[in-house]
């Protein structure tokens, strides 16, 4: 079998993410899928943004389990944009597009 590349390549998970997902290594695709399964199962997507239903679900609410993973996130993109969730509190939200940064910050 050919070695998987890109998003399907197996990566080692850092401790908090490994404990959360119950695995020491997974592909980025599987990590993201499992995180979304958890988010949806626990209804952790906002139902409205500033009281309006458009973009509902665009934000993910940090619960007691996710906050540990989110708090490990401090990354800088190629464009220099910093994503820092180290001070995020339970009940606060992140944009769903930032989930990729969370995954990147929690793998080795």
PDB file of N, CA and C in Angstrom:
ATOM      1  N   UNK A   1       0.841  -1.189   0.000  1.00  0.00           N
ATOM      2  CA  UNK A   1       0.000   0.000   0.000  1.00  0.00           C
ATOM      3  C   UNK A   1       0.881   1.245   0.000  1.00  0.00           C
ATOM      4  N   UNK A   2       0.533   2.200  -0.798  1.00  0.00           N
ATOM      5  CA  UNK A   2       1.304   3.441  -0.893  1.00  0.00           C
ATOM      6  C   UNK A   2       1.145   4.252   0.391  1.00  0.00           C
ATOM      7  N   UNK A   3       2.187   4.977   0.746  1.00  0.00           N
ATOM      8  CA  UNK A   3       2.123   5.816   1.943  1.00  0.00           C
ATOM      9  C   UNK A   3       1.157   6.962   1.687  1.00  0.00           C
ATOM     10  N   UNK A   4       0.293   7.203   2.670  1.00  0.00           N
ATOM     11  CA  UNK A   4      -0.668   8.291   2.545  1.00  0.00           C
ATOM     12  C   UNK A   4       0.053   9.635   2.618  1.00  0.00           C
ATOM     13  N   UNK A   5      -0.461  10.583   1.893  1.00  0.00           N
ATOM     14  CA  UNK A   5       0.138  11.918   1.892  1.00  0.00           C
ATOM     15  C   UNK A   5      -0.914  12.961   2.241  1.00  0.00           C
ATOM     16  N   UNK A   6      -0.444  14.178   2.507  1.00  0.00           N
ATOM     17  CA  UNK A   6      -1.364  15.291   2.752  1.00  0.00           C
ATOM     18  C   UNK A   6      -2.269  15.065   3.942  1.00  0.00           C
ATOM     19  N   UNK A   7      -3.551  15.321   3.758  1.00  0.00           N
ATOM     20  CA  UNK A   7      -4.517  15.258   4.855  1.00  0.00           C
ATOM     21  C   UNK A   7      -4.785  13.840   5.340  1.00  0.00           C
ATOM     22  N   UNK A   8      -4.443  12.828   4.520  1.00  0.00           N
ATOM     23  CA  UNK A   8      -4.684  11.444   4.905  1.00  0.00           C
ATOM     24  C   UNK A   8      -3.474  10.787   5.576  1.00  0.00           C
ATOM     25  N   UNK A   9      -2.358  11.527   5.654  1.00  0.00           N
ATOM     26  CA  UNK A   9      -1.145  11.005   6.289  1.00  0.00           C
ATOM     27  C   UNK A   9      -1.370  10.921   7.794  1.00  0.00           C
ATOM     28  N   UNK A  10      -0.919   9.834   8.415  1.00  0.00           N
ATOM     29  CA  UNK A  10      -1.063   9.667   9.857  1.00  0.00           C
ATOM     30  C   UNK A  10      -0.140  10.655  10.574  1.00  0.00           C
ATOM     31  N   UNK A  11      -0.671  11.312  11.600  1.00  0.00           N
ATOM     32  CA  UNK A  11       0.104  12.255  12.400  1.00  0.00           C
ATOM     33  C   UNK A  11      -0.027  11.878  13.876  1.00  0.00           C
ATOM     34  N   UNK A  12       0.985  12.202  14.656  1.00  0.00           N
ATOM     35  CA  UNK A  12       0.982  11.911  16.092  1.00  0.00           C
ATOM     36  C   UNK A  12       0.227  13.031  16.806  1.00  0.00           C
ATOM     37  N   UNK A  13      -0.680  12.641  17.693  1.00  0.00           N
ATOM     38  CA  UNK A  13      -1.477  13.620  18.427  1.00  0.00           C
ATOM     39  C   UNK A  13      -0.791  14.001  19.729  1.00  0.00           C
ATOM     40  N   UNK A  14      -0.896  15.268  20.086  1.00  0.00           N
ATOM     41  CA  UNK A  14      -0.397  15.711  21.384  1.00  0.00           C
ATOM     42  C   UNK A  14      -1.346  15.177  22.460  1.00  0.00           C
ATOM     43  N   UNK A  15      -0.874  15.164  23.697  1.00  0.00           N
ATOM     44  CA  UNK A  15      -1.563  14.488  24.811  1.00  0.00           C
ATOM     45  C   UNK A  15      -3.048  14.815  24.967  1.00  0.00           C
ATOM     46  N   UNK A  16      -3.412  16.107  24.991  1.00  0.00           N
ATOM     47  CA  UNK A  16      -4.818  16.464  25.231  1.00  0.00           C
ATOM     48  C   UNK A  16      -5.733  15.969  24.120  1.00  0.00           C
ATOM     49  N   UNK A  17      -5.290  16.127  22.877  1.00  0.00           N
ATOM     50  CA  UNK A  17      -6.101  15.672  21.742  1.00  0.00           C
ATOM     51  C   UNK A  17      -6.168  14.148  21.714  1.00  0.00           C
ATOM     52  N   UNK A  18      -5.047  13.498  22.010  1.00  0.00           N
ATOM     53  CA  UNK A  18      -5.011  12.026  22.043  1.00  0.00           C
ATOM     54  C   UNK A  18      -5.994  11.498  23.091  1.00  0.00           C
ATOM     55  N   UNK A  19      -6.001  12.119  24.262  1.00  0.00           N
ATOM     56  CA  UNK A  19      -6.916  11.706  25.336  1.00  0.00           C
ATOM     57  C   UNK A  19      -8.369  11.932  24.912  1.00  0.00           C
ATOM     58  N   UNK A  20      -8.632  13.057  24.280  1.00  0.00           N
ATOM     59  CA  UNK A  20      -9.988  13.406  23.843  1.00  0.00           C
ATOM     60  C   UNK A  20     -10.499  12.424  22.793  1.00  0.00           C
ATOM     61  N   UNK A  21      -9.646  12.093  21.807  1.00  0.00           N
ATOM     62  CA  UNK A  21     -10.071  11.229  20.706  1.00  0.00           C
ATOM     63  C   UNK A  21      -9.808   9.747  20.962  1.00  0.00           C
ATOM     64  N   UNK A  22      -9.062   9.440  22.013  1.00  0.00           N
ATOM     65  CA  UNK A  22      -8.782   8.049  22.337  1.00  0.00           C
ATOM     66  C   UNK A  22      -7.887   7.363  21.323  1.00  0.00           C
ATOM     67  N   UNK A  23      -6.956   8.126  20.742  1.00  0.00           N
ATOM     68  CA  UNK A  23      -6.015   7.571  19.756  1.00  0.00           C
ATOM     69  C   UNK A  23      -4.713   8.358  19.833  1.00  0.00           C
ATOM     70  N   UNK A  24      -3.599   7.699  19.536  1.00  0.00           N
ATOM     71  CA  UNK A  24      -2.320   8.413  19.591  1.00  0.00           C
ATOM     72  C   UNK A  24      -1.917   8.964  18.227  1.00  0.00           C
ATOM     73  N   UNK A  25      -2.479   8.375  17.164  1.00  0.00           N
ATOM     74  CA  UNK A  25      -2.228   8.921  15.829  1.00  0.00           C
ATOM     75  C   UNK A  25      -3.435   8.698  14.929  1.00  0.00           C
ATOM     76  N   UNK A  26      -3.703   9.702  14.108  1.00  0.00           N
ATOM     77  CA  UNK A  26      -4.822   9.684  13.162  1.00  0.00           C
ATOM     78  C   UNK A  26      -4.431  10.584  12.001  1.00  0.00           C
ATOM     79  N   UNK A  27      -5.197  10.528  10.927  1.00  0.00           N
ATOM     80  CA  UNK A  27      -4.965  11.470   9.827  1.00  0.00           C
ATOM     81  C   UNK A  27      -5.677  12.776  10.181  1.00  0.00           C
ATOM     82  N   UNK A  28      -5.252  13.889   9.580  1.00  0.00           N
ATOM     83  CA  UNK A  28      -5.919  15.179   9.816  1.00  0.00           C
ATOM     84  C   UNK A  28      -7.399  15.083   9.470  1.00  0.00           C
ATOM     85  N   UNK A  29      -7.701  14.351   8.405  1.00  0.00           N
ATOM     86  CA  UNK A  29      -9.091  14.183   7.975  1.00  0.00           C
ATOM     87  C   UNK A  29      -9.907  13.518   9.090  1.00  0.00           C
ATOM     88  N   UNK A  30      -9.349  12.438   9.667  1.00  0.00           N
ATOM     89  CA  UNK A  30     -10.059  11.727  10.736  1.00  0.00           C
ATOM     90  C   UNK A  30     -10.183  12.572  12.002  1.00  0.00           C
ATOM     91  N   UNK A  31      -9.129  13.324  12.325  1.00  0.00           N
ATOM     92  CA  UNK A  31      -9.172  14.207  13.504  1.00  0.00           C
ATOM     93  C   UNK A  31     -10.313  15.200  13.346  1.00  0.00           C
ATOM     94  N   UNK A  32     -10.356  15.866  12.197  1.00  0.00           N
ATOM     95  CA  UNK A  32     -11.376  16.880  11.940  1.00  0.00           C
ATOM     96  C   UNK A  32     -12.771  16.263  11.967  1.00  0.00           C
ATOM     97  N   UNK A  33     -12.915  15.090  11.347  1.00  0.00           N
ATOM     98  CA  UNK A  33     -14.219  14.413  11.322  1.00  0.00           C
ATOM     99  C   UNK A  33     -14.675  14.074  12.744  1.00  0.00           C
ATOM    100  N   UNK A  34     -13.768  13.528  13.553  1.00  0.00           N
ATOM    101  CA  UNK A  34     -14.132  13.158  14.925  1.00  0.00           C
ATOM    102  C   UNK A  34     -14.476  14.391  15.769  1.00  0.00           C
ATOM    103  N   UNK A  35     -13.744  15.477  15.557  1.00  0.00           N
ATOM    104  CA  UNK A  35     -14.071  16.716  16.278  1.00  0.00           C
ATOM    105  C   UNK A  35     -15.469  17.196  15.881  1.00  0.00           C
ATOM    106  N   UNK A  36     -15.767  17.172  14.578  1.00  0.00           N
ATOM    107  CA  UNK A  36     -17.097  17.603  14.119  1.00  0.00           C
ATOM    108  C   UNK A  36     -18.184  16.670  14.631  1.00  0.00           C
ATOM    109  N   UNK A  37     -17.913  15.365  14.675  1.00  0.00           N
ATOM    110  CA  UNK A  37     -18.902  14.424  15.224  1.00  0.00           C
ATOM    111  C   UNK A  37     -19.241  14.813  16.665  1.00  0.00           C
ATOM    112  N   UNK A  38     -18.201  15.128  17.440  1.00  0.00           N
ATOM    113  CA  UNK A  38     -18.395  15.521  18.840  1.00  0.00           C
ATOM    114  C   UNK A  38     -19.166  16.839  18.933  1.00  0.00           C
ATOM    115  N   UNK A  39     -18.762  17.819  18.138  1.00  0.00           N
ATOM    116  CA  UNK A  39     -19.401  19.144  18.146  1.00  0.00           C
ATOM    117  C   UNK A  39     -20.893  19.014  17.820  1.00  0.00           C
ATOM    118  N   UNK A  40     -21.201  18.229  16.793  1.00  0.00           N
ATOM    119  CA  UNK A  40     -22.609  18.061  16.387  1.00  0.00           C
ATOM    120  C   UNK A  40     -23.395  17.254  17.414  1.00  0.00           C
ATOM    121  N   UNK A  41     -22.801  16.174  17.924  1.00  0.00           N
ATOM    122  CA  UNK A  41     -23.494  15.327  18.904  1.00  0.00           C
ATOM    123  C   UNK A  41     -23.826  16.099  20.179  1.00  0.00           C
ATOM    124  N   UNK A  42     -22.977  17.057  20.527  1.00  0.00           N
ATOM    125  CA  UNK A  42     -23.174  17.828  21.751  1.00  0.00           C
ATOM    126  C   UNK A  42     -23.774  19.209  21.495  1.00  0.00           C
ATOM    127  N   UNK A  43     -24.238  19.432  20.248  1.00  0.00           N
ATOM    128  CA  UNK A  43     -24.907  20.683  19.863  1.00  0.00           C
ATOM    129  C   UNK A  43     -24.085  21.915  20.257  1.00  0.00           C
ATOM    130  N   UNK A  44     -22.815  21.906  19.858  1.00  0.00           N
ATOM    131  CA  UNK A  44     -21.905  22.991  20.227  1.00  0.00           C
ATOM    132  C   UNK A  44     -21.720  24.029  19.115  1.00  0.00           C
ATOM    133  N   UNK A  45     -22.679  24.088  18.194  1.00  0.00           N
ATOM    134  CA  UNK A  45     -22.644  25.128  17.169  1.00  0.00           C
ATOM    135  C   UNK A  45     -23.682  26.183  17.540  1.00  0.00           C
ATOM    136  N   UNK A  46     -23.341  27.443  17.311  1.00  0.00           N
ATOM    137  CA  UNK A  46     -24.271  28.514  17.653  1.00  0.00           C
ATOM    138  C   UNK A  46     -25.509  28.429  16.767  1.00  0.00           C
ATOM    139  N   UNK A  47     -26.630  28.829  17.329  1.00  0.00           N
ATOM    140  CA  UNK A  47     -27.884  28.811  16.575  1.00  0.00           C
ATOM    141  C   UNK A  47     -28.138  30.156  15.908  1.00  0.00           C
ATOM    142  N   UNK A  48     -27.424  31.171  16.363  1.00  0.00           N
ATOM    143  CA  UNK A  48     -27.548  32.489  15.752  1.00  0.00           C
ATOM    144  C   UNK A  48     -26.249  33.252  15.986  1.00  0.00           C
ATOM    145  N   UNK A  49     -26.035  34.287  15.197  1.00  0.00           N
ATOM    146  CA  UNK A  49     -24.889  35.160  15.379  1.00  0.00           C
ATOM    147  C   UNK A  49     -25.448  36.548  15.647  1.00  0.00           C
ATOM    148  N   UNK A  50     -25.148  37.077  16.815  1.00  0.00           N
ATOM    149  CA  UNK A  50     -25.699  38.373  17.233  1.00  0.00           C
ATOM    150  C   UNK A  50     -27.220  38.396  17.084  1.00  0.00           C
ATOM    151  N   UNK A  51     -27.847  37.279  17.430  1.00  0.00           N
ATOM    152  CA  UNK A  51     -29.301  37.203  17.409  1.00  0.00           C
ATOM    153  C   UNK A  51     -29.920  36.921  16.054  1.00  0.00           C
ATOM    154  N   UNK A  52     -29.086  36.832  15.002  1.00  0.00           N
ATOM    155  CA  UNK A  52     -29.609  36.588  13.655  1.00  0.00           C
ATOM    156  C   UNK A  52     -29.307  35.148  13.239  1.00  0.00           C
ATOM    157  N   UNK A  53     -30.279  34.472  12.585  1.00  0.00           N
ATOM    158  CA  UNK A  53     -30.071  33.077  12.221  1.00  0.00           C
ATOM    159  C   UNK A  53     -29.085  32.840  11.070  1.00  0.00           C
ATOM    160  N   UNK A  54     -28.794  33.861  10.238  1.00  0.00           N
ATOM    161  CA  UNK A  54     -27.840  33.614   9.159  1.00  0.00           C
ATOM    162  C   UNK A  54     -26.461  33.358   9.769  1.00  0.00           C
ATOM    163  N   UNK A  55     -25.705  32.511   9.119  1.00  0.00           N
ATOM    164  CA  UNK A  55     -24.411  32.056   9.620  1.00  0.00           C
ATOM    165  C   UNK A  55     -24.538  31.209  10.876  1.00  0.00           C
ATOM    166  N   UNK A  56     -25.760  30.773  11.200  1.00  0.00           N
ATOM    167  CA  UNK A  56     -25.933  29.901  12.351  1.00  0.00           C
ATOM    168  C   UNK A  56     -25.065  28.660  12.140  1.00  0.00           C
ATOM    169  N   UNK A  57     -24.424  28.227  13.173  1.00  0.00           N
ATOM    170  CA  UNK A  57     -23.562  27.053  13.076  1.00  0.00           C
ATOM    171  C   UNK A  57     -22.149  27.386  12.667  1.00  0.00           C
ATOM    172  N   UNK A  58     -21.894  28.644  12.315  1.00  0.00           N
ATOM    173  CA  UNK A  58     -20.564  29.048  11.871  1.00  0.00           C
ATOM    174  C   UNK A  58     -19.575  29.070  13.039  1.00  0.00           C
ATOM    175  N   UNK A  59     -20.090  29.215  14.248  1.00  0.00           N
ATOM    176  CA  UNK A  59     -19.228  29.284  15.420  1.00  0.00           C
ATOM    177  C   UNK A  59     -19.385  28.051  16.292  1.00  0.00           C
ATOM    178  N   UNK A  60     -18.267  27.633  16.869  1.00  0.00           N
ATOM    179  CA  UNK A  60     -18.222  26.456  17.728  1.00  0.00           C
ATOM    180  C   UNK A  60     -18.055  26.944  19.160  1.00  0.00           C
ATOM    181  N   UNK A  61     -18.909  26.447  20.043  1.00  0.00           N
ATOM    182  CA  UNK A  61     -18.857  26.816  21.451  1.00  0.00           C
ATOM    183  C   UNK A  61     -17.906  25.862  22.172  1.00  0.00           C
ATOM    184  N   UNK A  62     -16.959  26.429  22.917  1.00  0.00           N
ATOM    185  CA  UNK A  62     -16.003  25.612  23.676  1.00  0.00           C
ATOM    186  C   UNK A  62     -16.679  25.075  24.934  1.00  0.00           C
ATOM    187  N   UNK A  63     -16.721  23.750  25.052  1.00  0.00           N
ATOM    188  CA  UNK A  63     -17.235  23.152  26.285  1.00  0.00           C
ATOM    189  C   UNK A  63     -16.037  22.698  27.131  1.00  0.00           C
ATOM    190  N   UNK A  64     -16.315  22.053  28.258  1.00  0.00           N
ATOM    191  CA  UNK A  64     -15.253  21.664  29.195  1.00  0.00           C
ATOM    192  C   UNK A  64     -14.203  20.751  28.550  1.00  0.00           C
ATOM    193  N   UNK A  65     -14.624  19.902  27.609  1.00  0.00           N
ATOM    194  CA  UNK A  65     -13.674  18.986  26.961  1.00  0.00           C
ATOM    195  C   UNK A  65     -12.900  19.680  25.844  1.00  0.00           C
ATOM    196  N   UNK A  66     -13.593  20.447  25.017  1.00  0.00           N
ATOM    197  CA  UNK A  66     -12.923  21.126  23.895  1.00  0.00           C
ATOM    198  C   UNK A  66     -11.970  22.227  24.349  1.00  0.00           C
ATOM    199  N   UNK A  67     -12.277  22.870  25.478  1.00  0.00           N
ATOM    200  CA  UNK A  67     -11.461  24.000  25.909  1.00  0.00           C
ATOM    201  C   UNK A  67     -10.002  23.591  26.120  1.00  0.00           C
ATOM    202  N   UNK A  68      -9.778  22.369  26.604  1.00  0.00           N
ATOM    203  CA  UNK A  68      -8.401  21.883  26.812  1.00  0.00           C
ATOM    204  C   UNK A  68      -7.629  21.853  25.499  1.00  0.00           C
ATOM    205  N   UNK A  69      -8.304  21.450  24.436  1.00  0.00           N
ATOM    206  CA  UNK A  69      -7.671  21.363  23.119  1.00  0.00           C
ATOM    207  C   UNK A  69      -7.515  22.764  22.528  1.00  0.00           C
ATOM    208  N   UNK A  70      -8.580  23.564  22.627  1.00  0.00           N
ATOM    209  CA  UNK A  70      -8.522  24.926  22.090  1.00  0.00           C
ATOM    210  C   UNK A  70      -7.421  25.737  22.774  1.00  0.00           C
ATOM    211  N   UNK A  71      -7.250  25.556  24.099  1.00  0.00           N
ATOM    212  CA  UNK A  71      -6.254  26.326  24.847  1.00  0.00           C
ATOM    213  C   UNK A  71      -4.817  26.001  24.445  1.00  0.00           C
ATOM    214  N   UNK A  72      -4.594  24.902  23.734  1.00  0.00           N
ATOM    215  CA  UNK A  72      -3.251  24.562  23.239  1.00  0.00           C
ATOM    216  C   UNK A  72      -2.934  25.307  21.948  1.00  0.00           C
ATOM    217  N   UNK A  73      -3.892  26.040  21.420  1.00  0.00           N
ATOM    218  CA  UNK A  73      -3.760  26.628  20.096  1.00  0.00           C
ATOM    219  C   UNK A  73      -3.174  28.030  20.110  1.00  0.00           C
ATOM    220  N   UNK A  74      -1.982  28.118  19.558  1.00  0.00           N
ATOM    221  CA  UNK A  74      -1.370  29.422  19.291  1.00  0.00           C
ATOM    222  C   UNK A  74      -0.514  29.213  18.052  1.00  0.00           C
ATOM    223  N   UNK A  75      -1.054  29.607  16.916  1.00  0.00           N
ATOM    224  CA  UNK A  75      -0.372  29.392  15.650  1.00  0.00           C
ATOM    225  C   UNK A  75      -0.287  30.691  14.873  1.00  0.00           C
ATOM    226  N   UNK A  76       0.671  30.735  13.966  1.00  0.00           N
ATOM    227  CA  UNK A  76       0.817  31.886  13.079  1.00  0.00           C
ATOM    228  C   UNK A  76       0.742  31.361  11.655  1.00  0.00           C
ATOM    229  N   UNK A  77      -0.170  31.918  10.865  1.00  0.00           N
ATOM    230  CA  UNK A  77      -0.335  31.475   9.476  1.00  0.00           C
ATOM    231  C   UNK A  77       0.795  32.023   8.613  1.00  0.00           C
ATOM    232  N   UNK A  78       0.841  31.539   7.381  1.00  0.00           N
ATOM    233  CA  UNK A  78       1.858  32.009   6.429  1.00  0.00           C
ATOM    234  C   UNK A  78       1.751  33.509   6.193  1.00  0.00           C
ATOM    235  N   UNK A  79       0.544  34.040   6.339  1.00  0.00           N
ATOM    236  CA  UNK A  79       0.345  35.484   6.126  1.00  0.00           C
ATOM    237  C   UNK A  79       0.659  36.288   7.388  1.00  0.00           C
ATOM    238  N   UNK A  80       1.010  35.571   8.475  1.00  0.00           N
ATOM    239  CA  UNK A  80       1.368  36.254   9.713  1.00  0.00           C
ATOM    240  C   UNK A  80       0.218  36.462  10.676  1.00  0.00           C
ATOM    241  N   UNK A  81      -0.969  35.958  10.329  1.00  0.00           N
ATOM    242  CA  UNK A  81      -2.136  36.094  11.211  1.00  0.00           C
ATOM    243  C   UNK A  81      -1.988  35.117  12.383  1.00  0.00           C
ATOM    244  N   UNK A  82      -2.085  35.633  13.588  1.00  0.00           N
ATOM    245  CA  UNK A  82      -1.938  34.804  14.785  1.00  0.00           C
ATOM    246  C   UNK A  82      -3.312  34.317  15.236  1.00  0.00           C
ATOM    247  N   UNK A  83      -3.415  33.019  15.488  1.00  0.00           N
ATOM    248  CA  UNK A  83      -4.610  32.435  16.085  1.00  0.00           C
ATOM    249  C   UNK A  83      -4.199  31.996  17.476  1.00  0.00           C
ATOM    250  N   UNK A  84      -4.729  32.658  18.484  1.00  0.00           N
ATOM    251  CA  UNK A  84      -4.331  32.385  19.864  1.00  0.00           C
ATOM    252  C   UNK A  84      -5.572  32.140  20.720  1.00  0.00           C
ATOM    253  N   UNK A  85      -5.759  30.878  21.126  1.00  0.00           N
ATOM    254  CA  UNK A  85      -6.899  30.516  21.972  1.00  0.00           C
ATOM    255  C   UNK A  85      -6.449  30.133  23.376  1.00  0.00           C
ATOM    256  N   UNK A  86      -5.220  30.521  23.743  1.00  0.00           N
ATOM    257  CA  UNK A  86      -4.676  30.102  25.038  1.00  0.00           C
ATOM    258  C   UNK A  86      -5.460  30.697  26.210  1.00  0.00           C
ATOM    259  N   UNK A  87      -6.168  31.803  25.993  1.00  0.00           N
ATOM    260  CA  UNK A  87      -6.938  32.436  27.075  1.00  0.00           C
ATOM    261  C   UNK A  87      -8.450  32.272  26.878  1.00  0.00           C
ATOM    262  N   UNK A  88      -8.830  31.466  25.896  1.00  0.00           N
ATOM    263  CA  UNK A  88     -10.254  31.229  25.639  1.00  0.00           C
ATOM    264  C   UNK A  88     -10.891  30.563  26.858  1.00  0.00           C
ATOM    265  N   UNK A  89     -12.102  30.964  27.168  1.00  0.00           N
ATOM    266  CA  UNK A  89     -12.811  30.411  28.315  1.00  0.00           C
ATOM    267  C   UNK A  89     -13.961  29.518  27.850  1.00  0.00           C
ATOM    268  N   UNK A  90     -14.343  28.597  28.709  1.00  0.00           N
ATOM    269  CA  UNK A  90     -15.478  27.725  28.431  1.00  0.00           C
ATOM    270  C   UNK A  90     -16.701  28.587  28.135  1.00  0.00           C
ATOM    271  N   UNK A  91     -17.444  28.225  27.082  1.00  0.00           N
ATOM    272  CA  UNK A  91     -18.634  28.981  26.696  1.00  0.00           C
ATOM    273  C   UNK A  91     -18.357  30.014  25.615  1.00  0.00           C
ATOM    274  N   UNK A  92     -17.077  30.353  25.395  1.00  0.00           N
ATOM    275  CA  UNK A  92     -16.730  31.274  24.319  1.00  0.00           C
ATOM    276  C   UNK A  92     -16.696  30.489  23.011  1.00  0.00           C
ATOM    277  N   UNK A  93     -16.653  31.209  21.897  1.00  0.00           N
ATOM    278  CA  UNK A  93     -16.733  30.551  20.597  1.00  0.00           C
ATOM    279  C   UNK A  93     -15.501  30.813  19.733  1.00  0.00           C
ATOM    280  N   UNK A  94     -15.298  29.890  18.770  1.00  0.00           N
ATOM    281  CA  UNK A  94     -14.307  30.101  17.723  1.00  0.00           C
ATOM    282  C   UNK A  94     -15.020  29.946  16.385  1.00  0.00           C
ATOM    283  N   UNK A  95     -14.499  30.591  15.363  1.00  0.00           N
ATOM    284  CA  UNK A  95     -15.045  30.457  14.016  1.00  0.00           C
ATOM    285  C   UNK A  95     -14.719  29.051  13.520  1.00  0.00           C
ATOM    286  N   UNK A  96     -15.675  28.399  12.877  1.00  0.00           N
ATOM    287  CA  UNK A  96     -15.443  27.029  12.402  1.00  0.00           C
ATOM    288  C   UNK A  96     -14.245  26.936  11.460  1.00  0.00           C
ATOM    289  N   UNK A  97     -13.920  28.026  10.767  1.00  0.00           N
ATOM    290  CA  UNK A  97     -12.783  28.011   9.850  1.00  0.00           C
ATOM    291  C   UNK A  97     -11.456  27.943  10.611  1.00  0.00           C
ATOM    292  N   UNK A  98     -11.488  28.187  11.908  1.00  0.00           N
ATOM    293  CA  UNK A  98     -10.276  28.134  12.725  1.00  0.00           C
ATOM    294  C   UNK A  98     -10.001  26.736  13.264  1.00  0.00           C
ATOM    295  N   UNK A  99     -10.884  25.794  12.981  1.00  0.00           N
ATOM    296  CA  UNK A  99     -10.688  24.434  13.475  1.00  0.00           C
ATOM    297  C   UNK A  99      -9.407  23.815  12.912  1.00  0.00           C
ATOM    298  N   UNK A 100      -9.051  24.179  11.686  1.00  0.00           N
ATOM    299  CA  UNK A 100      -7.808  23.672  11.087  1.00  0.00           C
ATOM    300  C   UNK A 100      -6.586  24.112  11.899  1.00  0.00           C
ATOM    301  N   UNK A 101      -6.609  25.336  12.409  1.00  0.00           N
ATOM    302  CA  UNK A 101      -5.519  25.821  13.263  1.00  0.00           C
ATOM    303  C   UNK A 101      -5.451  25.037  14.556  1.00  0.00           C
ATOM    304  N   UNK A 102      -6.611  24.707  15.101  1.00  0.00           N
ATOM    305  CA  UNK A 102      -6.678  23.916  16.340  1.00  0.00           C
ATOM    306  C   UNK A 102      -6.038  22.539  16.105  1.00  0.00           C
ATOM    307  N   UNK A 103      -6.411  21.908  14.982  1.00  0.00           N
ATOM    308  CA  UNK A 103      -5.845  20.599  14.647  1.00  0.00           C
ATOM    309  C   UNK A 103      -4.330  20.704  14.503  1.00  0.00           C
ATOM    310  N   UNK A 104      -3.860  21.698  13.747  1.00  0.00           N
ATOM    311  CA  UNK A 104      -2.421  21.879  13.529  1.00  0.00           C
ATOM    312  C   UNK A 104      -1.659  22.058  14.822  1.00  0.00           C
ATOM    313  N   UNK A 105      -2.256  22.804  15.767  1.00  0.00           N
ATOM    314  CA  UNK A 105      -1.598  23.096  17.038  1.00  0.00           C
ATOM    315  C   UNK A 105      -1.552  21.886  17.967  1.00  0.00           C
ATOM    316  N   UNK A 106      -2.371  20.882  17.694  1.00  0.00           N
ATOM    317  CA  UNK A 106      -2.483  19.736  18.593  1.00  0.00           C
ATOM    318  C   UNK A 106      -1.898  18.450  18.019  1.00  0.00           C
ATOM    319  N   UNK A 107      -1.087  18.580  16.963  1.00  0.00           N
ATOM    320  CA  UNK A 107      -0.387  17.415  16.422  1.00  0.00           C
ATOM    321  C   UNK A 107       1.106  17.702  16.413  1.00  0.00           C
ATOM    322  N   UNK A 108       1.882  16.619  16.376  1.00  0.00           N
ATOM    323  CA  UNK A 108       3.343  16.791  16.387  1.00  0.00           C
ATOM    324  C   UNK A 108       3.924  16.647  14.998  1.00  0.00           C
TER     325      UNK A 108
END
